[in-house]
Amino acid sequence: MPASVSFSTMMTRVRELADMQTSNEAQAFVTDAELKRALNRNLKQLYQKLIIARGDDYYATRYTTALVANQAEYAFGLFVPDFMQLLGVDITDGTRVVPMPKFILKEYADLKYLENLNTNDLGMFRYRLNKQGLEIRPMPRTANYSLTLHYLPAFTELVNAGDTFDGVNGWEDWACYGAAIDLLNKEESFEQAAALQAMRGTIDGQIDALAGARDAGRPEFVGDVMRDWNDLGVYYRRNDWRW
């Protein structure tokens, strides 16, 4: 279950760690605005650490959109502006759902050739990431398909006091320690900063020890990729792609 903590709670924690509590921000050595920037920087780093430790699936999300007839390219900015990393693509005709494999440049011409056949089948489609988003070949001739992207979203900076971050198991303290260290270094309180750095190292070890252990009973495995093109049948008998 998520263990979300509010932005305001973490800000208070940072000031406590740095011994910079204040009742008058105008007279504070570090303003709330600067504190928020420091905390967001460290939360972004923590987010990346937790992705590695907890596995892609913990933060994974999905987005489903209808394909457009005679349109091959789909810009991420239009439907997944928080996109960071692609985990997989599924396509469905409303009945069947199949994973869409990735194509490489040497396969482009053959996939373009399929667009001349005026027929589409779920097993024919392939995708490739480009600068703008996703390119699908052969280009779908009808709007009878829906695409689901499984992806990791980018970290969204916290803004309001009530915004929350899922620290999983209290590990938001890693970011709080980091922000407090940044503030202490600014104050040139290097000895106190070093003490907090050692304490944050303990949390580092706890997070790293979790890596790969979230679903220990069913670990990841190597998939069978030998059948990648089998469902295309006669279309690909003229090449050597069935390695």
Foldseek 3Di string as FASTA:
>chain_A
DFDKDFPQVLLVLLCVLLVQDDPDQVPGPDHVVNLLVLLLVLVLVVVVLLCQQVDVVVQKDKDKDWAAAPDFDDFCCVPPVQFDFFDFKWKDLVPDIDTAAADDDVCVVLQCVVLVVPDDDRLSWHWDADPGGIGITPGHRHRRMMMMTIGHGRDDRDDDRGDIDGCPPPVSVLSSLSSSLVVCVVVVVNVSNVVSVVVSVVSVVVSNVSRQPNCVVDGDDDDDCQCSNVVVPPSDPVDDPND
